[in-house]
Amino acid sequence: MTDESDETSRYITVFHQLKETESGEPGDRFVVHGEKLGDRCKFDEEQGDFIPVARPIAVIDVGTKMADDETIEWCNSHAGKAVLNQFFPEIEPTDPTLPDAGEYLEDIDD
C-alpha cells in the first residue's frame, strides 16, 4: 500500500487522535478519503519540531474508486456503517433486510 494523492481513491483511512488540536481531542477518531499511511503532524513551538497528533489505524478498501466528495455518502451507506462500527461504536449499523424477507431467511436454517 502506498499513499495516494489522486482525487479518486478506493480507500478510506481511519485516524486516531493522539494530541489535542483545534479539530480534535486525544482519543477521537476520524476518517479521510484516500490511503494515508503517515502520521498527521503539527509544529510544536516548545519542541521546535513537528510532532504526531493523529495516527492512521486502518485503511479500508471500499471496492471501487470514488471522489473525495463521495466519502460521506459511503460512510453513511449500509456497508460503510457496518465496517466503521468497529472503530466508531456510536455508529449503528443498519439492517438492510427487507421487511417481508423473514420467512425466506428462516428457510436457510432448515
PDB file of N, CA and C in Angstrom:
ATOM      1  N   MET A   1       0.836  -1.171   0.000  1.00  0.00           N
ATOM      2  CA  MET A   1       0.000   0.000   0.000  1.00  0.00           C
ATOM      3  C   MET A   1       0.888   1.244   0.000  1.00  0.00           C
ATOM      4  N   THR A   2       0.482   2.212  -0.756  1.00  0.00           N
ATOM      5  CA  THR A   2       1.225   3.459  -0.824  1.00  0.00           C
ATOM      6  C   THR A   2       0.268   4.627  -0.692  1.00  0.00           C
ATOM      7  N   ASP A   3       0.808   5.778  -0.257  1.00  0.00           N
ATOM      8  CA  ASP A   3      -0.032   6.971  -0.165  1.00  0.00           C
ATOM      9  C   ASP A   3      -0.560   7.339  -1.533  1.00  0.00           C
ATOM     10  N   GLU A   4      -1.842   7.623  -1.602  1.00  0.00           N
ATOM     11  CA  GLU A   4      -2.453   8.059  -2.846  1.00  0.00           C
ATOM     12  C   GLU A   4      -2.680   9.551  -2.781  1.00  0.00           C
ATOM     13  N   SER A   5      -2.395  10.252  -3.874  1.00  0.00           N
ATOM     14  CA  SER A   5      -2.662  11.679  -3.893  1.00  0.00           C
ATOM     15  C   SER A   5      -3.697  12.011  -4.961  1.00  0.00           C
ATOM     16  N   ASP A   6      -4.251  10.998  -5.591  1.00  0.00           N
ATOM     17  CA  ASP A   6      -5.260  11.212  -6.621  1.00  0.00           C
ATOM     18  C   ASP A   6      -6.533  11.782  -6.016  1.00  0.00           C
ATOM     19  N   GLU A   7      -7.338  12.402  -6.856  1.00  0.00           N
ATOM     20  CA  GLU A   7      -8.633  12.893  -6.399  1.00  0.00           C
ATOM     21  C   GLU A   7      -9.623  11.753  -6.235  1.00  0.00           C
ATOM     22  N   THR A   8      -9.340  10.608  -6.861  1.00  0.00           N
ATOM     23  CA  THR A   8     -10.183   9.432  -6.669  1.00  0.00           C
ATOM     24  C   THR A   8      -9.350   8.348  -6.010  1.00  0.00           C
ATOM     25  N   SER A   9      -9.975   7.614  -5.136  1.00  0.00           N
ATOM     26  CA  SER A   9      -9.288   6.545  -4.423  1.00  0.00           C
ATOM     27  C   SER A   9     -10.310   5.499  -4.037  1.00  0.00           C
ATOM     28  N   ARG A  10      -9.884   4.286  -3.858  1.00  0.00           N
ATOM     29  CA  ARG A  10     -10.780   3.226  -3.394  1.00  0.00           C
ATOM     30  C   ARG A  10     -10.594   2.970  -1.903  1.00  0.00           C
ATOM     31  N   TYR A  11      -9.901   3.878  -1.218  1.00  0.00           N
ATOM     32  CA  TYR A  11      -9.590   3.692   0.199  1.00  0.00           C
ATOM     33  C   TYR A  11     -10.145   4.809   1.081  1.00  0.00           C
ATOM     34  N   ILE A  12     -10.447   4.421   2.317  1.00  0.00           N
ATOM     35  CA  ILE A  12     -10.803   5.334   3.396  1.00  0.00           C
ATOM     36  C   ILE A  12      -9.816   5.018   4.525  1.00  0.00           C
ATOM     37  N   THR A  13      -9.227   6.034   5.132  1.00  0.00           N
ATOM     38  CA  THR A  13      -8.300   5.819   6.239  1.00  0.00           C
ATOM     39  C   THR A  13      -8.938   6.318   7.526  1.00  0.00           C
ATOM     40  N   VAL A  14      -8.846   5.491   8.578  1.00  0.00           N
ATOM     41  CA  VAL A  14      -9.328   5.860   9.908  1.00  0.00           C
ATOM     42  C   VAL A  14      -8.121   6.312  10.724  1.00  0.00           C
ATOM     43  N   PHE A  15      -8.232   7.495  11.338  1.00  0.00           N
ATOM     44  CA  PHE A  15      -7.171   8.037  12.184  1.00  0.00           C
ATOM     45  C   PHE A  15      -7.602   8.060  13.638  1.00  0.00           C
ATOM     46  N   HIS A  16      -6.622   7.918  14.535  1.00  0.00           N
ATOM     47  CA  HIS A  16      -6.824   8.033  15.979  1.00  0.00           C
ATOM     48  C   HIS A  16      -6.068   9.279  16.442  1.00  0.00           C
ATOM     49  N   GLN A  17      -6.771  10.189  17.096  1.00  0.00           N
ATOM     50  CA  GLN A  17      -6.188  11.445  17.570  1.00  0.00           C
ATOM     51  C   GLN A  17      -5.295  11.171  18.773  1.00  0.00           C
ATOM     52  N   LEU A  18      -4.038  11.638  18.720  1.00  0.00           N
ATOM     53  CA  LEU A  18      -3.070  11.431  19.792  1.00  0.00           C
ATOM     54  C   LEU A  18      -2.963  12.628  20.730  1.00  0.00           C
ATOM     55  N   LYS A  19      -3.034  13.826  20.165  1.00  0.00           N
ATOM     56  CA  LYS A  19      -2.858  15.070  20.922  1.00  0.00           C
ATOM     57  C   LYS A  19      -4.044  15.991  20.661  1.00  0.00           C
ATOM     58  N   GLU A  20      -4.272  16.898  21.586  1.00  0.00           N
ATOM     59  CA  GLU A  20      -5.340  17.888  21.411  1.00  0.00           C
ATOM     60  C   GLU A  20      -4.940  18.881  20.315  1.00  0.00           C
ATOM     61  N   THR A  21      -5.873  19.136  19.433  1.00  0.00           N
ATOM     62  CA  THR A  21      -5.703  20.145  18.388  1.00  0.00           C
ATOM     63  C   THR A  21      -7.001  20.935  18.296  1.00  0.00           C
ATOM     64  N   GLU A  22      -7.023  21.931  17.440  1.00  0.00           N
ATOM     65  CA  GLU A  22      -8.245  22.702  17.249  1.00  0.00           C
ATOM     66  C   GLU A  22      -9.368  21.863  16.638  1.00  0.00           C
ATOM     67  N   SER A  23      -9.029  20.728  16.061  1.00  0.00           N
ATOM     68  CA  SER A  23     -10.062  19.891  15.429  1.00  0.00           C
ATOM     69  C   SER A  23     -10.343  18.581  16.159  1.00  0.00           C
ATOM     70  N   GLY A  24      -9.699  18.342  17.303  1.00  0.00           N
ATOM     71  CA  GLY A  24      -9.976  17.093  17.998  1.00  0.00           C
ATOM     72  C   GLY A  24      -9.272  16.959  19.328  1.00  0.00           C
ATOM     73  N   GLU A  25      -9.791  16.016  20.121  1.00  0.00           N
ATOM     74  CA  GLU A  25      -9.253  15.688  21.439  1.00  0.00           C
ATOM     75  C   GLU A  25      -8.556  14.322  21.364  1.00  0.00           C
ATOM     76  N   PRO A  26      -7.607  14.060  22.259  1.00  0.00           N
ATOM     77  CA  PRO A  26      -6.993  12.730  22.291  1.00  0.00           C
ATOM     78  C   PRO A  26      -8.063  11.642  22.430  1.00  0.00           C
ATOM     79  N   GLY A  27      -7.929  10.606  21.636  1.00  0.00           N
ATOM     80  CA  GLY A  27      -8.899   9.509  21.651  1.00  0.00           C
ATOM     81  C   GLY A  27      -9.964   9.618  20.578  1.00  0.00           C
ATOM     82  N   ASP A  28     -10.148  10.821  20.019  1.00  0.00           N
ATOM     83  CA  ASP A  28     -11.113  10.976  18.927  1.00  0.00           C
ATOM     84  C   ASP A  28     -10.636  10.188  17.719  1.00  0.00           C
ATOM     85  N   ARG A  29     -11.577   9.824  16.884  1.00  0.00           N
ATOM     86  CA  ARG A  29     -11.241   9.161  15.613  1.00  0.00           C
ATOM     87  C   ARG A  29     -11.936   9.889  14.481  1.00  0.00           C
ATOM     88  N   PHE A  30     -11.311   9.845  13.304  1.00  0.00           N
ATOM     89  CA  PHE A  30     -11.893  10.486  12.137  1.00  0.00           C
ATOM     90  C   PHE A  30     -11.467   9.740  10.888  1.00  0.00           C
ATOM     91  N   VAL A  31     -12.215   9.942   9.804  1.00  0.00           N
ATOM     92  CA  VAL A  31     -11.892   9.292   8.535  1.00  0.00           C
ATOM     93  C   VAL A  31     -11.489  10.336   7.514  1.00  0.00           C
ATOM     94  N   VAL A  32     -10.625   9.926   6.609  1.00  0.00           N
ATOM     95  CA  VAL A  32     -10.237  10.753   5.471  1.00  0.00           C
ATOM     96  C   VAL A  32     -10.299   9.897   4.213  1.00  0.00           C
ATOM     97  N   HIS A  33     -10.545  10.547   3.111  1.00  0.00           N
ATOM     98  CA  HIS A  33     -10.570   9.884   1.809  1.00  0.00           C
ATOM     99  C   HIS A  33      -9.132   9.604   1.378  1.00  0.00           C
ATOM    100  N   GLY A  34      -8.890   8.411   0.912  1.00  0.00           N
ATOM    101  CA  GLY A  34      -7.575   8.047   0.401  1.00  0.00           C
ATOM    102  C   GLY A  34      -6.813   7.154   1.366  1.00  0.00           C
ATOM    103  N   GLU A  35      -5.740   6.603   0.846  1.00  0.00           N
ATOM    104  CA  GLU A  35      -4.871   5.713   1.613  1.00  0.00           C
ATOM    105  C   GLU A  35      -3.756   6.558   2.204  1.00  0.00           C
ATOM    106  N   LYS A  36      -3.875   6.877   3.478  1.00  0.00           N
ATOM    107  CA  LYS A  36      -2.915   7.745   4.159  1.00  0.00           C
ATOM    108  C   LYS A  36      -2.187   6.917   5.199  1.00  0.00           C
ATOM    109  N   LEU A  37      -0.905   6.697   5.004  1.00  0.00           N
ATOM    110  CA  LEU A  37      -0.155   5.815   5.895  1.00  0.00           C
ATOM    111  C   LEU A  37       0.718   6.558   6.901  1.00  0.00           C
ATOM    112  N   GLY A  38       0.866   7.857   6.704  1.00  0.00           N
ATOM    113  CA  GLY A  38       1.719   8.625   7.609  1.00  0.00           C
ATOM    114  C   GLY A  38       0.923   9.324   8.692  1.00  0.00           C
ATOM    115  N   ASP A  39       1.621   9.647   9.785  1.00  0.00           N
ATOM    116  CA  ASP A  39       1.015  10.396  10.877  1.00  0.00           C
ATOM    117  C   ASP A  39       0.624  11.797  10.395  1.00  0.00           C
ATOM    118  N   ARG A  40      -0.418  12.347  11.022  1.00  0.00           N
ATOM    119  CA  ARG A  40      -0.748  13.763  10.846  1.00  0.00           C
ATOM    120  C   ARG A  40       0.088  14.498  11.874  1.00  0.00           C
ATOM    121  N   CYS A  41       0.838  15.505  11.441  1.00  0.00           N
ATOM    122  CA  CYS A  41       1.757  16.198  12.342  1.00  0.00           C
ATOM    123  C   CYS A  41       1.431  17.683  12.449  1.00  0.00           C
ATOM    124  N   LYS A  42       1.929  18.266  13.528  1.00  0.00           N
ATOM    125  CA  LYS A  42       1.735  19.683  13.795  1.00  0.00           C
ATOM    126  C   LYS A  42       3.047  20.202  14.371  1.00  0.00           C
ATOM    127  N   PHE A  43       3.391  21.447  14.028  1.00  0.00           N
ATOM    128  CA  PHE A  43       4.633  22.021  14.554  1.00  0.00           C
ATOM    129  C   PHE A  43       4.427  22.424  16.007  1.00  0.00           C
ATOM    130  N   ASP A  44       5.291  21.925  16.882  1.00  0.00           N
ATOM    131  CA  ASP A  44       5.258  22.258  18.302  1.00  0.00           C
ATOM    132  C   ASP A  44       6.352  23.282  18.563  1.00  0.00           C
ATOM    133  N   GLU A  45       5.953  24.515  18.894  1.00  0.00           N
ATOM    134  CA  GLU A  45       6.925  25.595  19.088  1.00  0.00           C
ATOM    135  C   GLU A  45       7.848  25.341  20.274  1.00  0.00           C
ATOM    136  N   GLU A  46       7.323  24.712  21.329  1.00  0.00           N
ATOM    137  CA  GLU A  46       8.156  24.423  22.507  1.00  0.00           C
ATOM    138  C   GLU A  46       9.284  23.461  22.167  1.00  0.00           C
ATOM    139  N   GLN A  47       8.960  22.435  21.374  1.00  0.00           N
ATOM    140  CA  GLN A  47       9.969  21.449  20.992  1.00  0.00           C
ATOM    141  C   GLN A  47      10.749  21.872  19.755  1.00  0.00           C
ATOM    142  N   GLY A  48      10.204  22.834  19.006  1.00  0.00           N
ATOM    143  CA  GLY A  48      10.868  23.276  17.783  1.00  0.00           C
ATOM    144  C   GLY A  48      10.885  22.215  16.701  1.00  0.00           C
ATOM    145  N   ASP A  49       9.875  21.345  16.715  1.00  0.00           N
ATOM    146  CA  ASP A  49       9.836  20.232  15.770  1.00  0.00           C
ATOM    147  C   ASP A  49       8.378  19.835  15.515  1.00  0.00           C
ATOM    148  N   PHE A  50       8.186  19.040  14.472  1.00  0.00           N
ATOM    149  CA  PHE A  50       6.860  18.514  14.178  1.00  0.00           C
ATOM    150  C   PHE A  50       6.606  17.289  15.060  1.00  0.00           C
ATOM    151  N   ILE A  51       5.402  17.222  15.610  1.00  0.00           N
ATOM    152  CA  ILE A  51       5.031  16.077  16.443  1.00  0.00           C
ATOM    153  C   ILE A  51       3.766  15.441  15.882  1.00  0.00           C
ATOM    154  N   PRO A  52       3.627  14.121  16.010  1.00  0.00           N
ATOM    155  CA  PRO A  52       2.410  13.471  15.528  1.00  0.00           C
ATOM    156  C   PRO A  52       1.214  13.834  16.401  1.00  0.00           C
ATOM    157  N   VAL A  53       0.099  14.184  15.768  1.00  0.00           N
ATOM    158  CA  VAL A  53      -1.130  14.492  16.504  1.00  0.00           C
ATOM    159  C   VAL A  53      -2.235  13.483  16.190  1.00  0.00           C
ATOM    160  N   ALA A  54      -2.078  12.729  15.115  1.00  0.00           N
ATOM    161  CA  ALA A  54      -3.035  11.675  14.770  1.00  0.00           C
ATOM    162  C   ALA A  54      -2.305  10.603  13.979  1.00  0.00           C
ATOM    163  N   ARG A  55      -2.718   9.354  14.205  1.00  0.00           N
ATOM    164  CA  ARG A  55      -2.052   8.217  13.566  1.00  0.00           C
ATOM    165  C   ARG A  55      -3.079   7.353  12.847  1.00  0.00           C
ATOM    166  N   PRO A  56      -2.756   6.898  11.629  1.00  0.00           N
ATOM    167  CA  PRO A  56      -3.689   6.006  10.933  1.00  0.00           C
ATOM    168  C   PRO A  56      -3.759   4.656  11.644  1.00  0.00           C
ATOM    169  N   ILE A  57      -4.989   4.152  11.807  1.00  0.00           N
ATOM    170  CA  ILE A  57      -5.146   2.853  12.461  1.00  0.00           C
ATOM    171  C   ILE A  57      -5.795   1.815  11.549  1.00  0.00           C
ATOM    172  N   ALA A  58      -6.370   2.268  10.424  1.00  0.00           N
ATOM    173  CA  ALA A  58      -6.972   1.316   9.486  1.00  0.00           C
ATOM    174  C   ALA A  58      -7.086   1.956   8.109  1.00  0.00           C
ATOM    175  N   VAL A  59      -6.840   1.153   7.100  1.00  0.00           N
ATOM    176  CA  VAL A  59      -7.087   1.547   5.712  1.00  0.00           C
ATOM    177  C   VAL A  59      -8.124   0.574   5.178  1.00  0.00           C
ATOM    178  N   ILE A  60      -9.261   1.108   4.741  1.00  0.00           N
ATOM    179  CA  ILE A  60     -10.390   0.299   4.301  1.00  0.00           C
ATOM    180  C   ILE A  60     -10.525   0.390   2.788  1.00  0.00           C
ATOM    181  N   ASP A  61     -10.512  -0.753   2.128  1.00  0.00           N
ATOM    182  CA  ASP A  61     -10.736  -0.833   0.681  1.00  0.00           C
ATOM    183  C   ASP A  61     -12.236  -0.878   0.454  1.00  0.00           C
ATOM    184  N   VAL A  62     -12.798   0.182  -0.126  1.00  0.00           N
ATOM    185  CA  VAL A  62     -14.251   0.247  -0.322  1.00  0.00           C
ATOM    186  C   VAL A  62     -14.696  -0.471  -1.595  1.00  0.00           C
ATOM    187  N   GLY A  63     -13.755  -0.962  -2.378  1.00  0.00           N
ATOM    188  CA  GLY A  63     -14.100  -1.797  -3.520  1.00  0.00           C
ATOM    189  C   GLY A  63     -14.210  -1.095  -4.857  1.00  0.00           C
ATOM    190  N   THR A  64     -14.297   0.225  -4.853  1.00  0.00           N
ATOM    191  CA  THR A  64     -14.381   0.966  -6.103  1.00  0.00           C
ATOM    192  C   THR A  64     -13.835   2.367  -5.879  1.00  0.00           C
ATOM    193  N   LYS A  65     -13.248   2.927  -6.902  1.00  0.00           N
ATOM    194  CA  LYS A  65     -12.735   4.284  -6.769  1.00  0.00           C
ATOM    195  C   LYS A  65     -13.886   5.260  -6.603  1.00  0.00           C
ATOM    196  N   MET A  66     -13.686   6.229  -5.739  1.00  0.00           N
ATOM    197  CA  MET A  66     -14.690   7.269  -5.548  1.00  0.00           C
ATOM    198  C   MET A  66     -13.979   8.601  -5.347  1.00  0.00           C
ATOM    199  N   ALA A  67     -14.714   9.660  -5.610  1.00  0.00           N
ATOM    200  CA  ALA A  67     -14.171  11.000  -5.443  1.00  0.00           C
ATOM    201  C   ALA A  67     -14.223  11.385  -3.965  1.00  0.00           C
ATOM    202  N   ASP A  68     -13.434  12.363  -3.600  1.00  0.00           N
ATOM    203  CA  ASP A  68     -13.360  12.834  -2.226  1.00  0.00           C
ATOM    204  C   ASP A  68     -14.740  13.214  -1.683  1.00  0.00           C
ATOM    205  N   ASP A  69     -15.563  13.850  -2.504  1.00  0.00           N
ATOM    206  CA  ASP A  69     -16.878  14.296  -2.035  1.00  0.00           C
ATOM    207  C   ASP A  69     -17.878  13.150  -1.863  1.00  0.00           C
ATOM    208  N   GLU A  70     -17.502  11.937  -2.232  1.00  0.00           N
ATOM    209  CA  GLU A  70     -18.366  10.770  -2.036  1.00  0.00           C
ATOM    210  C   GLU A  70     -18.067  10.030  -0.732  1.00  0.00           C
ATOM    211  N   THR A  71     -17.056  10.475   0.007  1.00  0.00           N
ATOM    212  CA  THR A  71     -16.653   9.804   1.242  1.00  0.00           C
ATOM    213  C   THR A  71     -17.790   9.774   2.254  1.00  0.00           C
ATOM    214  N   ILE A  72     -18.436  10.893   2.487  1.00  0.00           N
ATOM    215  CA  ILE A  72     -19.531  10.956   3.465  1.00  0.00           C
ATOM    216  C   ILE A  72     -20.666  10.039   3.045  1.00  0.00           C
ATOM    217  N   GLU A  73     -20.953  10.024   1.747  1.00  0.00           N
ATOM    218  CA  GLU A  73     -22.015   9.156   1.227  1.00  0.00           C
ATOM    219  C   GLU A  73     -21.701   7.688   1.534  1.00  0.00           C
ATOM    220  N   TRP A  74     -20.454   7.270   1.308  1.00  0.00           N
ATOM    221  CA  TRP A  74     -20.070   5.880   1.599  1.00  0.00           C
ATOM    222  C   TRP A  74     -20.155   5.612   3.103  1.00  0.00           C
ATOM    223  N   CYS A  75     -19.667   6.534   3.923  1.00  0.00           N
ATOM    224  CA  CYS A  75     -19.691   6.341   5.379  1.00  0.00           C
ATOM    225  C   CYS A  75     -21.116   6.157   5.901  1.00  0.00           C
ATOM    226  N   ASN A  76     -22.096   6.767   5.252  1.00  0.00           N
ATOM    227  CA  ASN A  76     -23.496   6.655   5.674  1.00  0.00           C
ATOM    228  C   ASN A  76     -24.237   5.495   5.013  1.00  0.00           C
ATOM    229  N   SER A  77     -23.555   4.742   4.157  1.00  0.00           N
ATOM    230  CA  SER A  77     -24.189   3.602   3.491  1.00  0.00           C
ATOM    231  C   SER A  77     -24.251   2.404   4.442  1.00  0.00           C
ATOM    232  N   HIS A  78     -25.030   1.386   4.075  1.00  0.00           N
ATOM    233  CA  HIS A  78     -25.103   0.157   4.880  1.00  0.00           C
ATOM    234  C   HIS A  78     -23.698  -0.427   5.066  1.00  0.00           C
ATOM    235  N   ALA A  79     -22.956  -0.538   3.977  1.00  0.00           N
ATOM    236  CA  ALA A  79     -21.611  -1.127   4.045  1.00  0.00           C
ATOM    237  C   ALA A  79     -20.679  -0.267   4.893  1.00  0.00           C
ATOM    238  N   GLY A  80     -20.724   1.035   4.680  1.00  0.00           N
ATOM    239  CA  GLY A  80     -19.868   1.941   5.441  1.00  0.00           C
ATOM    240  C   GLY A  80     -20.119   1.849   6.929  1.00  0.00           C
ATOM    241  N   LYS A  81     -21.390   1.872   7.327  1.00  0.00           N
ATOM    242  CA  LYS A  81     -21.725   1.789   8.752  1.00  0.00           C
ATOM    243  C   LYS A  81     -21.298   0.446   9.350  1.00  0.00           C
ATOM    244  N   ALA A  82     -21.474  -0.628   8.589  1.00  0.00           N
ATOM    245  CA  ALA A  82     -21.091  -1.953   9.084  1.00  0.00           C
ATOM    246  C   ALA A  82     -19.589  -2.026   9.342  1.00  0.00           C
ATOM    247  N   VAL A  83     -18.794  -1.466   8.452  1.00  0.00           N
ATOM    248  CA  VAL A  83     -17.339  -1.518   8.598  1.00  0.00           C
ATOM    249  C   VAL A  83     -16.854  -0.535   9.659  1.00  0.00           C
ATOM    250  N   LEU A  84     -17.378   0.687   9.634  1.00  0.00           N
ATOM    251  CA  LEU A  84     -16.889   1.718  10.547  1.00  0.00           C
ATOM    252  C   LEU A  84     -17.317   1.493  11.996  1.00  0.00           C
ATOM    253  N   ASN A  85     -18.346   0.696  12.220  1.00  0.00           N
ATOM    254  CA  ASN A  85     -18.826   0.422  13.569  1.00  0.00           C
ATOM    255  C   ASN A  85     -17.733  -0.129  14.483  1.00  0.00           C
ATOM    256  N   GLN A  86     -16.784  -0.885  13.939  1.00  0.00           N
ATOM    257  CA  GLN A  86     -15.725  -1.442  14.784  1.00  0.00           C
ATOM    258  C   GLN A  86     -14.742  -0.375  15.273  1.00  0.00           C
ATOM    259  N   PHE A  87     -14.709   0.784  14.603  1.00  0.00           N
ATOM    260  CA  PHE A  87     -13.827   1.882  15.003  1.00  0.00           C
ATOM    261  C   PHE A  87     -14.598   3.006  15.695  1.00  0.00           C
ATOM    262  N   PHE A  88     -15.893   3.085  15.426  1.00  0.00           N
ATOM    263  CA  PHE A  88     -16.769   4.115  15.978  1.00  0.00           C
ATOM    264  C   PHE A  88     -18.006   3.415  16.557  1.00  0.00           C
ATOM    265  N   PRO A  89     -17.949   2.952  17.804  1.00  0.00           N
ATOM    266  CA  PRO A  89     -19.063   2.193  18.374  1.00  0.00           C
ATOM    267  C   PRO A  89     -20.388   2.953  18.371  1.00  0.00           C
ATOM    268  N   GLU A  90     -20.329   4.275  18.324  1.00  0.00           N
ATOM    269  CA  GLU A  90     -21.564   5.059  18.315  1.00  0.00           C
ATOM    270  C   GLU A  90     -22.307   4.978  16.978  1.00  0.00           C
ATOM    271  N   ILE A  91     -21.655   4.462  15.947  1.00  0.00           N
ATOM    272  CA  ILE A  91     -22.314   4.283  14.645  1.00  0.00           C
ATOM    273  C   ILE A  91     -23.118   2.995  14.685  1.00  0.00           C
ATOM    274  N   GLU A  92     -24.396   3.120  14.487  1.00  0.00           N
ATOM    275  CA  GLU A  92     -25.290   1.954  14.486  1.00  0.00           C
ATOM    276  C   GLU A  92     -25.387   1.399  13.061  1.00  0.00           C
ATOM    277  N   PRO A  93     -24.926   0.162  12.840  1.00  0.00           N
ATOM    278  CA  PRO A  93     -25.110  -0.412  11.510  1.00  0.00           C
ATOM    279  C   PRO A  93     -26.606  -0.605  11.242  1.00  0.00           C
ATOM    280  N   THR A  94     -27.007  -0.362  10.027  1.00  0.00           N
ATOM    281  CA  THR A  94     -28.408  -0.529   9.668  1.00  0.00           C
ATOM    282  C   THR A  94     -28.634  -1.922   9.108  1.00  0.00           C
ATOM    283  N   ASP A  95     -29.815  -2.453   9.338  1.00  0.00           N
ATOM    284  CA  ASP A  95     -30.169  -3.776   8.838  1.00  0.00           C
ATOM    285  C   ASP A  95     -30.790  -3.622   7.455  1.00  0.00           C
ATOM    286  N   PRO A  96     -30.127  -4.124   6.423  1.00  0.00           N
ATOM    287  CA  PRO A  96     -30.647  -3.969   5.067  1.00  0.00           C
ATOM    288  C   PRO A  96     -31.707  -5.004   4.675  1.00  0.00           C
ATOM    289  N   THR A  97     -32.068  -5.873   5.617  1.00  0.00           N
ATOM    290  CA  THR A  97     -33.029  -6.928   5.313  1.00  0.00           C
ATOM    291  C   THR A  97     -34.397  -6.330   4.990  1.00  0.00           C
ATOM    292  N   LEU A  98     -34.998  -6.769   3.901  1.00  0.00           N
ATOM    293  CA  LEU A  98     -36.324  -6.294   3.513  1.00  0.00           C
ATOM    294  C   LEU A  98     -37.372  -6.797   4.498  1.00  0.00           C
ATOM    295  N   PRO A  99     -38.416  -6.005   4.746  1.00  0.00           N
ATOM    296  CA  PRO A  99     -39.410  -6.358   5.765  1.00  0.00           C
ATOM    297  C   PRO A  99     -40.049  -7.738   5.577  1.00  0.00           C
ATOM    298  N   ASP A 100     -40.328  -8.157   4.366  1.00  0.00           N
ATOM    299  CA  ASP A 100     -41.010  -9.429   4.122  1.00  0.00           C
ATOM    300  C   ASP A 100     -40.058 -10.595   3.894  1.00  0.00           C
ATOM    301  N   ALA A 101     -38.770 -10.410   4.112  1.00  0.00           N
ATOM    302  CA  ALA A 101     -37.795 -11.462   3.826  1.00  0.00           C
ATOM    303  C   ALA A 101     -37.651 -12.468   4.956  1.00  0.00           C
ATOM    304  N   GLY A 102     -38.211 -12.191   6.116  1.00  0.00           N
ATOM    305  CA  GLY A 102     -38.048 -13.056   7.280  1.00  0.00           C
ATOM    306  C   GLY A 102     -38.394 -14.499   7.027  1.00  0.00           C
ATOM    307  N   GLU A 103     -39.514 -14.757   6.360  1.00  0.00           N
ATOM    308  CA  GLU A 103     -39.926 -16.143   6.129  1.00  0.00           C
ATOM    309  C   GLU A 103     -38.933 -16.879   5.238  1.00  0.00           C
ATOM    310  N   TYR A 104     -38.292 -16.177   4.307  1.00  0.00           N
ATOM    311  CA  TYR A 104     -37.322 -16.811   3.424  1.00  0.00           C
ATOM    312  C   TYR A 104     -36.002 -17.061   4.149  1.00  0.00           C
ATOM    313  N   LEU A 105     -35.668 -16.172   5.057  1.00  0.00           N
ATOM    314  CA  LEU A 105     -34.430 -16.331   5.823  1.00  0.00           C
ATOM    315  C   LEU A 105     -34.534 -17.516   6.772  1.00  0.00           C
ATOM    316  N   GLU A 106     -35.730 -17.791   7.273  1.00  0.00           N
ATOM    317  CA  GLU A 106     -35.925 -18.945   8.149  1.00  0.00           C
ATOM    318  C   GLU A 106     -35.643 -20.241   7.405  1.00  0.00           C
ATOM    319  N   ASP A 107     -35.885 -20.284   6.098  1.00  0.00           N
ATOM    320  CA  ASP A 107     -35.616 -21.468   5.284  1.00  0.00           C
ATOM    321  C   ASP A 107     -34.127 -21.830   5.267  1.00  0.00           C
ATOM    322  N   ILE A 108     -33.270 -20.836   5.438  1.00  0.00           N
ATOM    323  CA  ILE A 108     -31.820 -21.058   5.392  1.00  0.00           C
ATOM    324  C   ILE A 108     -31.380 -21.931   6.564  1.00  0.00           C
ATOM    325  N   ASP A 109     -32.020 -21.763   7.721  1.00  0.00           N
ATOM    326  CA  ASP A 109     -31.636 -22.529   8.908  1.00  0.00           C
ATOM    327  C   ASP A 109     -32.057 -23.997   8.827  1.00  0.00           C
ATOM    328  N   ASP A 110     -33.021 -24.324   7.990  1.00  0.00           N
ATOM    329  CA  ASP A 110     -33.538 -25.697   7.896  1.00  0.00           C
ATOM    330  C   ASP A 110     -32.595 -26.619   7.151  1.00  0.00           C
TER     331      ASP A 110
END
